[in-house]
Amino acid sequence: EAYRARVQQTIAQYGGEYLVRGGNF
């Protein structure tokens, strides 16, 4: 939970974005 609270900001900072974040498969 601590990781998830901080990781998205680092991804965006380097031009990245989520395409999939869990979900059914």
mmCIF file of all heavy atoms, coordinates in Angstrom:
data_MODEL
# 
_entry.id   MODEL 
# 
loop_
_atom_site.group_PDB 
_atom_site.id 
_atom_site.type_symbol 
_atom_site.label_atom_id 
_atom_site.label_alt_id 
_atom_site.label_comp_id 
_atom_site.label_asym_id 
_atom_site.label_entity_id 
_atom_site.label_seq_id 
_atom_site.pdbx_PDB_ins_code 
_atom_site.Cartn_x 
_atom_site.Cartn_y 
_atom_site.Cartn_z 
_atom_site.occupancy 
_atom_site.B_iso_or_equiv 
_atom_site.pdbx_formal_charge 
_atom_site.auth_seq_id 
_atom_site.auth_comp_id 
_atom_site.auth_asym_id 
_atom_site.auth_atom_id 
_atom_site.pdbx_PDB_model_num 
ATOM 1   N N   . GLU A 1 1  ? 0.836   -1.200  0.000   1.00 0.00 ? 1  GLU A N   1 
ATOM 2   C CA  . GLU A 1 1  ? 0.000   0.000   0.000   1.00 0.00 ? 1  GLU A CA  1 
ATOM 3   C C   . GLU A 1 1  ? 0.874   1.255   0.000   1.00 0.00 ? 1  GLU A C   1 
ATOM 4   O O   . GLU A 1 1  ? 0.562   2.227   -0.696  1.00 0.00 ? 1  GLU A O   1 
ATOM 5   C CB  . GLU A 1 1  ? -0.953  -0.016  1.185   1.00 0.00 ? 1  GLU A CB  1 
ATOM 6   C CG  . GLU A 1 1  ? -2.066  -1.038  1.024   1.00 0.00 ? 1  GLU A CG  1 
ATOM 7   C CD  . GLU A 1 1  ? -2.920  -1.212  2.268   1.00 0.00 ? 1  GLU A CD  1 
ATOM 8   O OE1 . GLU A 1 1  ? -2.626  -0.610  3.319   1.00 0.00 ? 1  GLU A OE1 1 
ATOM 9   O OE2 . GLU A 1 1  ? -3.886  -1.983  2.183   1.00 0.00 ? 1  GLU A OE2 1 
ATOM 10  N N   . ALA A 1 2  ? 1.967   1.229   0.748   1.00 0.00 ? 2  ALA A N   1 
ATOM 11  C CA  . ALA A 1 2  ? 2.893   2.366   0.759   1.00 0.00 ? 2  ALA A CA  1 
ATOM 12  C C   . ALA A 1 2  ? 3.529   2.544   -0.625  1.00 0.00 ? 2  ALA A C   1 
ATOM 13  O O   . ALA A 1 2  ? 3.686   3.667   -1.113  1.00 0.00 ? 2  ALA A O   1 
ATOM 14  C CB  . ALA A 1 2  ? 3.962   2.174   1.823   1.00 0.00 ? 2  ALA A CB  1 
ATOM 15  N N   . TYR A 1 3  ? 3.881   1.445   -1.268  1.00 0.00 ? 3  TYR A N   1 
ATOM 16  C CA  . TYR A 1 3  ? 4.452   1.474   -2.622  1.00 0.00 ? 3  TYR A CA  1 
ATOM 17  C C   . TYR A 1 3  ? 3.431   2.051   -3.604  1.00 0.00 ? 3  TYR A C   1 
ATOM 18  O O   . TYR A 1 3  ? 3.739   2.958   -4.378  1.00 0.00 ? 3  TYR A O   1 
ATOM 19  C CB  . TYR A 1 3  ? 4.864   0.053   -3.017  1.00 0.00 ? 3  TYR A CB  1 
ATOM 20  C CG  . TYR A 1 3  ? 5.253   -0.093  -4.461  1.00 0.00 ? 3  TYR A CG  1 
ATOM 21  C CD1 . TYR A 1 3  ? 6.530   0.240   -4.888  1.00 0.00 ? 3  TYR A CD1 1 
ATOM 22  C CD2 . TYR A 1 3  ? 4.347   -0.591  -5.402  1.00 0.00 ? 3  TYR A CD2 1 
ATOM 23  C CE1 . TYR A 1 3  ? 6.891   0.090   -6.220  1.00 0.00 ? 3  TYR A CE1 1 
ATOM 24  C CE2 . TYR A 1 3  ? 4.702   -0.744  -6.728  1.00 0.00 ? 3  TYR A CE2 1 
ATOM 25  C CZ  . TYR A 1 3  ? 5.975   -0.396  -7.130  1.00 0.00 ? 3  TYR A CZ  1 
ATOM 26  O OH  . TYR A 1 3  ? 6.331   -0.539  -8.440  1.00 0.00 ? 3  TYR A OH  1 
ATOM 27  N N   . ARG A 1 4  ? 2.222   1.524   -3.574  1.00 0.00 ? 4  ARG A N   1 
ATOM 28  C CA  . ARG A 1 4  ? 1.172   1.973   -4.508  1.00 0.00 ? 4  ARG A CA  1 
ATOM 29  C C   . ARG A 1 4  ? 0.864   3.457   -4.350  1.00 0.00 ? 4  ARG A C   1 
ATOM 30  O O   . ARG A 1 4  ? 0.536   4.133   -5.324  1.00 0.00 ? 4  ARG A O   1 
ATOM 31  C CB  . ARG A 1 4  ? -0.098  1.157   -4.300  1.00 0.00 ? 4  ARG A CB  1 
ATOM 32  C CG  . ARG A 1 4  ? 0.009   -0.255  -4.817  1.00 0.00 ? 4  ARG A CG  1 
ATOM 33  C CD  . ARG A 1 4  ? -1.283  -1.000  -4.585  1.00 0.00 ? 4  ARG A CD  1 
ATOM 34  N NE  . ARG A 1 4  ? -1.134  -2.405  -4.919  1.00 0.00 ? 4  ARG A NE  1 
ATOM 35  C CZ  . ARG A 1 4  ? -1.708  -3.389  -4.254  1.00 0.00 ? 4  ARG A CZ  1 
ATOM 36  N NH1 . ARG A 1 4  ? -2.489  -3.134  -3.216  1.00 0.00 ? 4  ARG A NH1 1 
ATOM 37  N NH2 . ARG A 1 4  ? -1.516  -4.632  -4.621  1.00 0.00 ? 4  ARG A NH2 1 
ATOM 38  N N   . ALA A 1 5  ? 0.966   3.967   -3.136  1.00 0.00 ? 5  ALA A N   1 
ATOM 39  C CA  . ALA A 1 5  ? 0.678   5.377   -2.891  1.00 0.00 ? 5  ALA A CA  1 
ATOM 40  C C   . ALA A 1 5  ? 1.705   6.295   -3.551  1.00 0.00 ? 5  ALA A C   1 
ATOM 41  O O   . ALA A 1 5  ? 1.413   7.457   -3.821  1.00 0.00 ? 5  ALA A O   1 
ATOM 42  C CB  . ALA A 1 5  ? 0.625   5.644   -1.381  1.00 0.00 ? 5  ALA A CB  1 
ATOM 43  N N   . ARG A 1 6  ? 2.889   5.775   -3.852  1.00 0.00 ? 6  ARG A N   1 
ATOM 44  C CA  . ARG A 1 6  ? 3.973   6.613   -4.366  1.00 0.00 ? 6  ARG A CA  1 
ATOM 45  C C   . ARG A 1 6  ? 4.394   6.304   -5.807  1.00 0.00 ? 6  ARG A C   1 
ATOM 46  O O   . ARG A 1 6  ? 5.013   7.139   -6.449  1.00 0.00 ? 6  ARG A O   1 
ATOM 47  C CB  . ARG A 1 6  ? 5.183   6.494   -3.448  1.00 0.00 ? 6  ARG A CB  1 
ATOM 48  C CG  . ARG A 1 6  ? 4.887   7.013   -2.044  1.00 0.00 ? 6  ARG A CG  1 
ATOM 49  C CD  . ARG A 1 6  ? 6.007   6.752   -1.071  1.00 0.00 ? 6  ARG A CD  1 
ATOM 50  N NE  . ARG A 1 6  ? 7.249   7.384   -1.488  1.00 0.00 ? 6  ARG A NE  1 
ATOM 51  C CZ  . ARG A 1 6  ? 8.424   7.134   -0.915  1.00 0.00 ? 6  ARG A CZ  1 
ATOM 52  N NH1 . ARG A 1 6  ? 8.520   6.283   0.086   1.00 0.00 ? 6  ARG A NH1 1 
ATOM 53  N NH2 . ARG A 1 6  ? 9.517   7.738   -1.347  1.00 0.00 ? 6  ARG A NH2 1 
ATOM 54  N N   . VAL A 1 7  ? 4.090   5.130   -6.301  1.00 0.00 ? 7  VAL A N   1 
ATOM 55  C CA  . VAL A 1 7  ? 4.661   4.703   -7.577  1.00 0.00 ? 7  VAL A CA  1 
ATOM 56  C C   . VAL A 1 7  ? 4.104   5.464   -8.775  1.00 0.00 ? 7  VAL A C   1 
ATOM 57  O O   . VAL A 1 7  ? 4.834   5.785   -9.707  1.00 0.00 ? 7  VAL A O   1 
ATOM 58  C CB  . VAL A 1 7  ? 4.524   3.176   -7.772  1.00 0.00 ? 7  VAL A CB  1 
ATOM 59  C CG1 . VAL A 1 7  ? 3.077   2.747   -7.946  1.00 0.00 ? 7  VAL A CG1 1 
ATOM 60  C CG2 . VAL A 1 7  ? 5.389   2.716   -8.938  1.00 0.00 ? 7  VAL A CG2 1 
ATOM 61  N N   . GLN A 1 8  ? 2.826   5.771   -8.780  1.00 0.00 ? 8  GLN A N   1 
ATOM 62  C CA  . GLN A 1 8  ? 2.228   6.404   -9.957  1.00 0.00 ? 8  GLN A CA  1 
ATOM 63  C C   . GLN A 1 8  ? 2.904   7.730   -10.293 1.00 0.00 ? 8  GLN A C   1 
ATOM 64  O O   . GLN A 1 8  ? 3.123   8.048   -11.461 1.00 0.00 ? 8  GLN A O   1 
ATOM 65  C CB  . GLN A 1 8  ? 0.736   6.599   -9.773  1.00 0.00 ? 8  GLN A CB  1 
ATOM 66  C CG  . GLN A 1 8  ? 0.057   7.078   -11.042 1.00 0.00 ? 8  GLN A CG  1 
ATOM 67  C CD  . GLN A 1 8  ? -1.437  6.965   -10.976 1.00 0.00 ? 8  GLN A CD  1 
ATOM 68  O OE1 . GLN A 1 8  ? -2.018  6.547   -9.993  1.00 0.00 ? 8  GLN A OE1 1 
ATOM 69  N NE2 . GLN A 1 8  ? -2.080  7.341   -12.052 1.00 0.00 ? 8  GLN A NE2 1 
ATOM 70  N N   . GLN A 1 9  ? 3.262   8.490   -9.298  1.00 0.00 ? 9  GLN A N   1 
ATOM 71  C CA  . GLN A 1 9  ? 3.941   9.771   -9.523  1.00 0.00 ? 9  GLN A CA  1 
ATOM 72  C C   . GLN A 1 9  ? 5.271   9.560   -10.241 1.00 0.00 ? 9  GLN A C   1 
ATOM 73  O O   . GLN A 1 9  ? 5.638   10.327  -11.136 1.00 0.00 ? 9  GLN A O   1 
ATOM 74  C CB  . GLN A 1 9  ? 4.156   10.499  -8.206  1.00 0.00 ? 9  GLN A CB  1 
ATOM 75  C CG  . GLN A 1 9  ? 4.848   11.830  -8.363  1.00 0.00 ? 9  GLN A CG  1 
ATOM 76  C CD  . GLN A 1 9  ? 5.034   12.525  -7.022  1.00 0.00 ? 9  GLN A CD  1 
ATOM 77  O OE1 . GLN A 1 9  ? 4.388   12.210  -6.043  1.00 0.00 ? 9  GLN A OE1 1 
ATOM 78  N NE2 . GLN A 1 9  ? 5.951   13.470  -6.994  1.00 0.00 ? 9  GLN A NE2 1 
ATOM 79  N N   . THR A 1 10 ? 6.011   8.511   -9.866  1.00 0.00 ? 10 THR A N   1 
ATOM 80  C CA  . THR A 1 10 ? 7.298   8.269   -10.520 1.00 0.00 ? 10 THR A CA  1 
ATOM 81  C C   . THR A 1 10 ? 7.099   7.842   -11.965 1.00 0.00 ? 10 THR A C   1 
ATOM 82  O O   . THR A 1 10 ? 7.875   8.237   -12.836 1.00 0.00 ? 10 THR A O   1 
ATOM 83  C CB  . THR A 1 10 ? 8.138   7.209   -9.772  1.00 0.00 ? 10 THR A CB  1 
ATOM 84  O OG1 . THR A 1 10 ? 7.549   5.918   -9.907  1.00 0.00 ? 10 THR A OG1 1 
ATOM 85  C CG2 . THR A 1 10 ? 8.319   7.566   -8.311  1.00 0.00 ? 10 THR A CG2 1 
ATOM 86  N N   . ILE A 1 11 ? 6.076   7.053   -12.221 1.00 0.00 ? 11 ILE A N   1 
ATOM 87  C CA  . ILE A 1 11 ? 5.796   6.605   -13.594 1.00 0.00 ? 11 ILE A CA  1 
ATOM 88  C C   . ILE A 1 11 ? 5.488   7.805   -14.481 1.00 0.00 ? 11 ILE A C   1 
ATOM 89  O O   . ILE A 1 11 ? 6.067   7.958   -15.565 1.00 0.00 ? 11 ILE A O   1 
ATOM 90  C CB  . ILE A 1 11 ? 4.631   5.596   -13.587 1.00 0.00 ? 11 ILE A CB  1 
ATOM 91  C CG1 . ILE A 1 11 ? 5.056   4.305   -12.872 1.00 0.00 ? 11 ILE A CG1 1 
ATOM 92  C CG2 . ILE A 1 11 ? 4.152   5.304   -15.005 1.00 0.00 ? 11 ILE A CG2 1 
ATOM 93  C CD1 . ILE A 1 11 ? 3.902   3.391   -12.507 1.00 0.00 ? 11 ILE A CD1 1 
ATOM 94  N N   . ALA A 1 12 ? 4.590   8.666   -14.030 1.00 0.00 ? 12 ALA A N   1 
ATOM 95  C CA  . ALA A 1 12 ? 4.203   9.846   -14.806 1.00 0.00 ? 12 ALA A CA  1 
ATOM 96  C C   . ALA A 1 12 ? 5.387   10.777  -15.040 1.00 0.00 ? 12 ALA A C   1 
ATOM 97  O O   . ALA A 1 12 ? 5.520   11.368  -16.121 1.00 0.00 ? 12 ALA A O   1 
ATOM 98  C CB  . ALA A 1 12 ? 3.071   10.581  -14.101 1.00 0.00 ? 12 ALA A CB  1 
ATOM 99  N N   . GLN A 1 13 ? 6.249   10.889  -14.045 1.00 0.00 ? 13 GLN A N   1 
ATOM 100 C CA  . GLN A 1 13 ? 7.414   11.774  -14.149 1.00 0.00 ? 13 GLN A CA  1 
ATOM 101 C C   . GLN A 1 13 ? 8.316   11.383  -15.315 1.00 0.00 ? 13 GLN A C   1 
ATOM 102 O O   . GLN A 1 13 ? 8.989   12.223  -15.901 1.00 0.00 ? 13 GLN A O   1 
ATOM 103 C CB  . GLN A 1 13 ? 8.190   11.723  -12.833 1.00 0.00 ? 13 GLN A CB  1 
ATOM 104 C CG  . GLN A 1 13 ? 9.378   12.634  -12.764 1.00 0.00 ? 13 GLN A CG  1 
ATOM 105 C CD  . GLN A 1 13 ? 10.048  12.575  -11.396 1.00 0.00 ? 13 GLN A CD  1 
ATOM 106 O OE1 . GLN A 1 13 ? 9.488   12.111  -10.421 1.00 0.00 ? 13 GLN A OE1 1 
ATOM 107 N NE2 . GLN A 1 13 ? 11.266  13.054  -11.345 1.00 0.00 ? 13 GLN A NE2 1 
ATOM 108 N N   . TYR A 1 14 ? 8.321   10.106  -15.691 1.00 0.00 ? 14 TYR A N   1 
ATOM 109 C CA  . TYR A 1 14 ? 9.173   9.624   -16.775 1.00 0.00 ? 14 TYR A CA  1 
ATOM 110 C C   . TYR A 1 14 ? 8.383   9.309   -18.044 1.00 0.00 ? 14 TYR A C   1 
ATOM 111 O O   . TYR A 1 14 ? 8.848   8.579   -18.906 1.00 0.00 ? 14 TYR A O   1 
ATOM 112 C CB  . TYR A 1 14 ? 9.997   8.420   -16.304 1.00 0.00 ? 14 TYR A CB  1 
ATOM 113 C CG  . TYR A 1 14 ? 11.090  8.874   -15.364 1.00 0.00 ? 14 TYR A CG  1 
ATOM 114 C CD1 . TYR A 1 14 ? 10.844  9.015   -14.003 1.00 0.00 ? 14 TYR A CD1 1 
ATOM 115 C CD2 . TYR A 1 14 ? 12.328  9.261   -15.848 1.00 0.00 ? 14 TYR A CD2 1 
ATOM 116 C CE1 . TYR A 1 14 ? 11.827  9.491   -13.138 1.00 0.00 ? 14 TYR A CE1 1 
ATOM 117 C CE2 . TYR A 1 14 ? 13.317  9.743   -14.999 1.00 0.00 ? 14 TYR A CE2 1 
ATOM 118 C CZ  . TYR A 1 14 ? 13.051  9.850   -13.650 1.00 0.00 ? 14 TYR A CZ  1 
ATOM 119 O OH  . TYR A 1 14 ? 14.027  10.338  -12.800 1.00 0.00 ? 14 TYR A OH  1 
ATOM 120 N N   . GLY A 1 15 ? 7.176   9.877   -18.140 1.00 0.00 ? 15 GLY A N   1 
ATOM 121 C CA  . GLY A 1 15 ? 6.394   9.758   -19.366 1.00 0.00 ? 15 GLY A CA  1 
ATOM 122 C C   . GLY A 1 15 ? 5.624   8.464   -19.507 1.00 0.00 ? 15 GLY A C   1 
ATOM 123 O O   . GLY A 1 15 ? 5.142   8.149   -20.596 1.00 0.00 ? 15 GLY A O   1 
ATOM 124 N N   . GLY A 1 16 ? 5.489   7.715   -18.427 1.00 0.00 ? 16 GLY A N   1 
ATOM 125 C CA  . GLY A 1 16 ? 4.782   6.449   -18.495 1.00 0.00 ? 16 GLY A CA  1 
ATOM 126 C C   . GLY A 1 16 ? 3.345   6.558   -18.025 1.00 0.00 ? 16 GLY A C   1 
ATOM 127 O O   . GLY A 1 16 ? 2.944   7.557   -17.431 1.00 0.00 ? 16 GLY A O   1 
ATOM 128 N N   . GLU A 1 17 ? 2.595   5.523   -18.322 1.00 0.00 ? 17 GLU A N   1 
ATOM 129 C CA  . GLU A 1 17 ? 1.221   5.442   -17.839 1.00 0.00 ? 17 GLU A CA  1 
ATOM 130 C C   . GLU A 1 17 ? 0.811   3.976   -17.712 1.00 0.00 ? 17 GLU A C   1 
ATOM 131 O O   . GLU A 1 17 ? 1.381   3.097   -18.351 1.00 0.00 ? 17 GLU A O   1 
ATOM 132 C CB  . GLU A 1 17 ? 0.266   6.203   -18.747 1.00 0.00 ? 17 GLU A CB  1 
ATOM 133 C CG  . GLU A 1 17 ? 0.170   5.649   -20.145 1.00 0.00 ? 17 GLU A CG  1 
ATOM 134 C CD  . GLU A 1 17 ? -0.771  6.453   -21.016 1.00 0.00 ? 17 GLU A CD  1 
ATOM 135 O OE1 . GLU A 1 17 ? -1.995  6.414   -20.773 1.00 0.00 ? 17 GLU A OE1 1 
ATOM 136 O OE2 . GLU A 1 17 ? -0.272  7.114   -21.939 1.00 0.00 ? 17 GLU A OE2 1 
ATOM 137 N N   . TYR A 1 18 ? -0.193  3.753   -16.878 1.00 0.00 ? 18 TYR A N   1 
ATOM 138 C CA  . TYR A 1 18 ? -0.741  2.409   -16.712 1.00 0.00 ? 18 TYR A CA  1 
ATOM 139 C C   . TYR A 1 18 ? -1.632  2.059   -17.895 1.00 0.00 ? 18 TYR A C   1 
ATOM 140 O O   . TYR A 1 18 ? -2.449  2.867   -18.327 1.00 0.00 ? 18 TYR A O   1 
ATOM 141 C CB  . TYR A 1 18 ? -1.603  2.331   -15.448 1.00 0.00 ? 18 TYR A CB  1 
ATOM 142 C CG  . TYR A 1 18 ? -0.838  2.268   -14.161 1.00 0.00 ? 18 TYR A CG  1 
ATOM 143 C CD1 . TYR A 1 18 ? -0.639  3.405   -13.387 1.00 0.00 ? 18 TYR A CD1 1 
ATOM 144 C CD2 . TYR A 1 18 ? -0.322  1.056   -13.697 1.00 0.00 ? 18 TYR A CD2 1 
ATOM 145 C CE1 . TYR A 1 18 ? 0.055   3.353   -12.195 1.00 0.00 ? 18 TYR A CE1 1 
ATOM 146 C CE2 . TYR A 1 18 ? 0.375   0.991   -12.503 1.00 0.00 ? 18 TYR A CE2 1 
ATOM 147 C CZ  . TYR A 1 18 ? 0.556   2.142   -11.757 1.00 0.00 ? 18 TYR A CZ  1 
ATOM 148 O OH  . TYR A 1 18 ? 1.245   2.079   -10.582 1.00 0.00 ? 18 TYR A OH  1 
ATOM 149 N N   . LEU A 1 19 ? -1.509  0.830   -18.381 1.00 0.00 ? 19 LEU A N   1 
ATOM 150 C CA  . LEU A 1 19 ? -2.456  0.270   -19.340 1.00 0.00 ? 19 LEU A CA  1 
ATOM 151 C C   . LEU A 1 19 ? -3.322  -0.778  -18.659 1.00 0.00 ? 19 LEU A C   1 
ATOM 152 O O   . LEU A 1 19 ? -4.503  -0.902  -18.966 1.00 0.00 ? 19 LEU A O   1 
ATOM 153 C CB  . LEU A 1 19 ? -1.726  -0.369  -20.521 1.00 0.00 ? 19 LEU A CB  1 
ATOM 154 C CG  . LEU A 1 19 ? -0.946  0.578   -21.429 1.00 0.00 ? 19 LEU A CG  1 
ATOM 155 C CD1 . LEU A 1 19 ? -0.269  -0.212  -22.543 1.00 0.00 ? 19 LEU A CD1 1 
ATOM 156 C CD2 . LEU A 1 19 ? -1.855  1.646   -22.005 1.00 0.00 ? 19 LEU A CD2 1 
ATOM 157 N N   . VAL A 1 20 ? -2.699  -1.539  -17.760 1.00 0.00 ? 20 VAL A N   1 
ATOM 158 C CA  . VAL A 1 20 ? -3.398  -2.586  -17.008 1.00 0.00 ? 20 VAL A CA  1 
ATOM 159 C C   . VAL A 1 20 ? -2.927  -2.499  -15.572 1.00 0.00 ? 20 VAL A C   1 
ATOM 160 O O   . VAL A 1 20 ? -1.733  -2.359  -15.314 1.00 0.00 ? 20 VAL A O   1 
ATOM 161 C CB  . VAL A 1 20 ? -3.087  -3.998  -17.570 1.00 0.00 ? 20 VAL A CB  1 
ATOM 162 C CG1 . VAL A 1 20 ? -3.700  -5.085  -16.705 1.00 0.00 ? 20 VAL A CG1 1 
ATOM 163 C CG2 . VAL A 1 20 ? -3.543  -4.114  -19.016 1.00 0.00 ? 20 VAL A CG2 1 
ATOM 164 N N   . ARG A 1 21 ? -3.876  -2.597  -14.664 1.00 0.00 ? 21 ARG A N   1 
ATOM 165 C CA  . ARG A 1 21 ? -3.544  -2.570  -13.234 1.00 0.00 ? 21 ARG A CA  1 
ATOM 166 C C   . ARG A 1 21 ? -4.467  -3.560  -12.529 1.00 0.00 ? 21 ARG A C   1 
ATOM 167 O O   . ARG A 1 21 ? -5.475  -3.187  -11.946 1.00 0.00 ? 21 ARG A O   1 
ATOM 168 C CB  . ARG A 1 21 ? -3.741  -1.163  -12.706 1.00 0.00 ? 21 ARG A CB  1 
ATOM 169 C CG  . ARG A 1 21 ? -3.097  -0.888  -11.395 1.00 0.00 ? 21 ARG A CG  1 
ATOM 170 C CD  . ARG A 1 21 ? -3.234  0.591   -11.093 1.00 0.00 ? 21 ARG A CD  1 
ATOM 171 N NE  . ARG A 1 21 ? -2.544  0.934   -9.872  1.00 0.00 ? 21 ARG A NE  1 
ATOM 172 C CZ  . ARG A 1 21 ? -2.529  2.141   -9.358  1.00 0.00 ? 21 ARG A CZ  1 
ATOM 173 N NH1 . ARG A 1 21 ? -3.167  3.121   -9.953  1.00 0.00 ? 21 ARG A NH1 1 
ATOM 174 N NH2 . ARG A 1 21 ? -1.890  2.370   -8.246  1.00 0.00 ? 21 ARG A NH2 1 
ATOM 175 N N   . GLY A 1 22 ? -4.117  -4.841  -12.658 1.00 0.00 ? 22 GLY A N   1 
ATOM 176 C CA  . GLY A 1 22 ? -4.979  -5.882  -12.101 1.00 0.00 ? 22 GLY A CA  1 
ATOM 177 C C   . GLY A 1 22 ? -6.120  -6.158  -13.060 1.00 0.00 ? 22 GLY A C   1 
ATOM 178 O O   . GLY A 1 22 ? -6.038  -5.891  -14.238 1.00 0.00 ? 22 GLY A O   1 
ATOM 179 N N   . GLY A 1 23 ? -7.189  -6.699  -12.540 1.00 0.00 ? 23 GLY A N   1 
ATOM 180 C CA  . GLY A 1 23 ? -8.360  -6.983  -13.370 1.00 0.00 ? 23 GLY A CA  1 
ATOM 181 C C   . GLY A 1 23 ? -8.472  -8.448  -13.722 1.00 0.00 ? 23 GLY A C   1 
ATOM 182 O O   . GLY A 1 23 ? -7.559  -9.246  -13.509 1.00 0.00 ? 23 GLY A O   1 
ATOM 183 N N   . ASN A 1 24 ? -9.613  -8.791  -14.254 1.00 0.00 ? 24 ASN A N   1 
ATOM 184 C CA  . ASN A 1 24 ? -9.887  -10.173 -14.658 1.00 0.00 ? 24 ASN A CA  1 
ATOM 185 C C   . ASN A 1 24 ? -9.114  -10.515 -15.912 1.00 0.00 ? 24 ASN A C   1 
ATOM 186 O O   . ASN A 1 24 ? -8.839  -9.639  -16.738 1.00 0.00 ? 24 ASN A O   1 
ATOM 187 C CB  . ASN A 1 24 ? -11.376 -10.357 -14.915 1.00 0.00 ? 24 ASN A CB  1 
ATOM 188 C CG  . ASN A 1 24 ? -12.192 -10.181 -13.659 1.00 0.00 ? 24 ASN A CG  1 
ATOM 189 O OD1 . ASN A 1 24 ? -11.750 -10.509 -12.567 1.00 0.00 ? 24 ASN A OD1 1 
ATOM 190 N ND2 . ASN A 1 24 ? -13.380 -9.628  -13.810 1.00 0.00 ? 24 ASN A ND2 1 
ATOM 191 N N   . PHE A 1 25 ? -8.779  -11.785 -16.073 1.00 0.00 ? 25 PHE A N   1 
ATOM 192 C CA  . PHE A 1 25 ? -8.083  -12.239 -17.273 1.00 0.00 ? 25 PHE A CA  1 
ATOM 193 C C   . PHE A 1 25 ? -8.514  -13.663 -17.580 1.00 0.00 ? 25 PHE A C   1 
ATOM 194 O O   . PHE A 1 25 ? -9.036  -14.372 -16.711 1.00 0.00 ? 25 PHE A O   1 
ATOM 195 C CB  . PHE A 1 25 ? -6.554  -12.168 -17.107 1.00 0.00 ? 25 PHE A CB  1 
ATOM 196 C CG  . PHE A 1 25 ? -6.027  -13.008 -15.975 1.00 0.00 ? 25 PHE A CG  1 
ATOM 197 C CD1 . PHE A 1 25 ? -5.738  -14.348 -16.165 1.00 0.00 ? 25 PHE A CD1 1 
ATOM 198 C CD2 . PHE A 1 25 ? -5.843  -12.456 -14.726 1.00 0.00 ? 25 PHE A CD2 1 
ATOM 199 C CE1 . PHE A 1 25 ? -5.264  -15.134 -15.119 1.00 0.00 ? 25 PHE A CE1 1 
ATOM 200 C CE2 . PHE A 1 25 ? -5.373  -13.224 -13.664 1.00 0.00 ? 25 PHE A CE2 1 
ATOM 201 C CZ  . PHE A 1 25 ? -5.082  -14.566 -13.869 1.00 0.00 ? 25 PHE A CZ  1 
# 
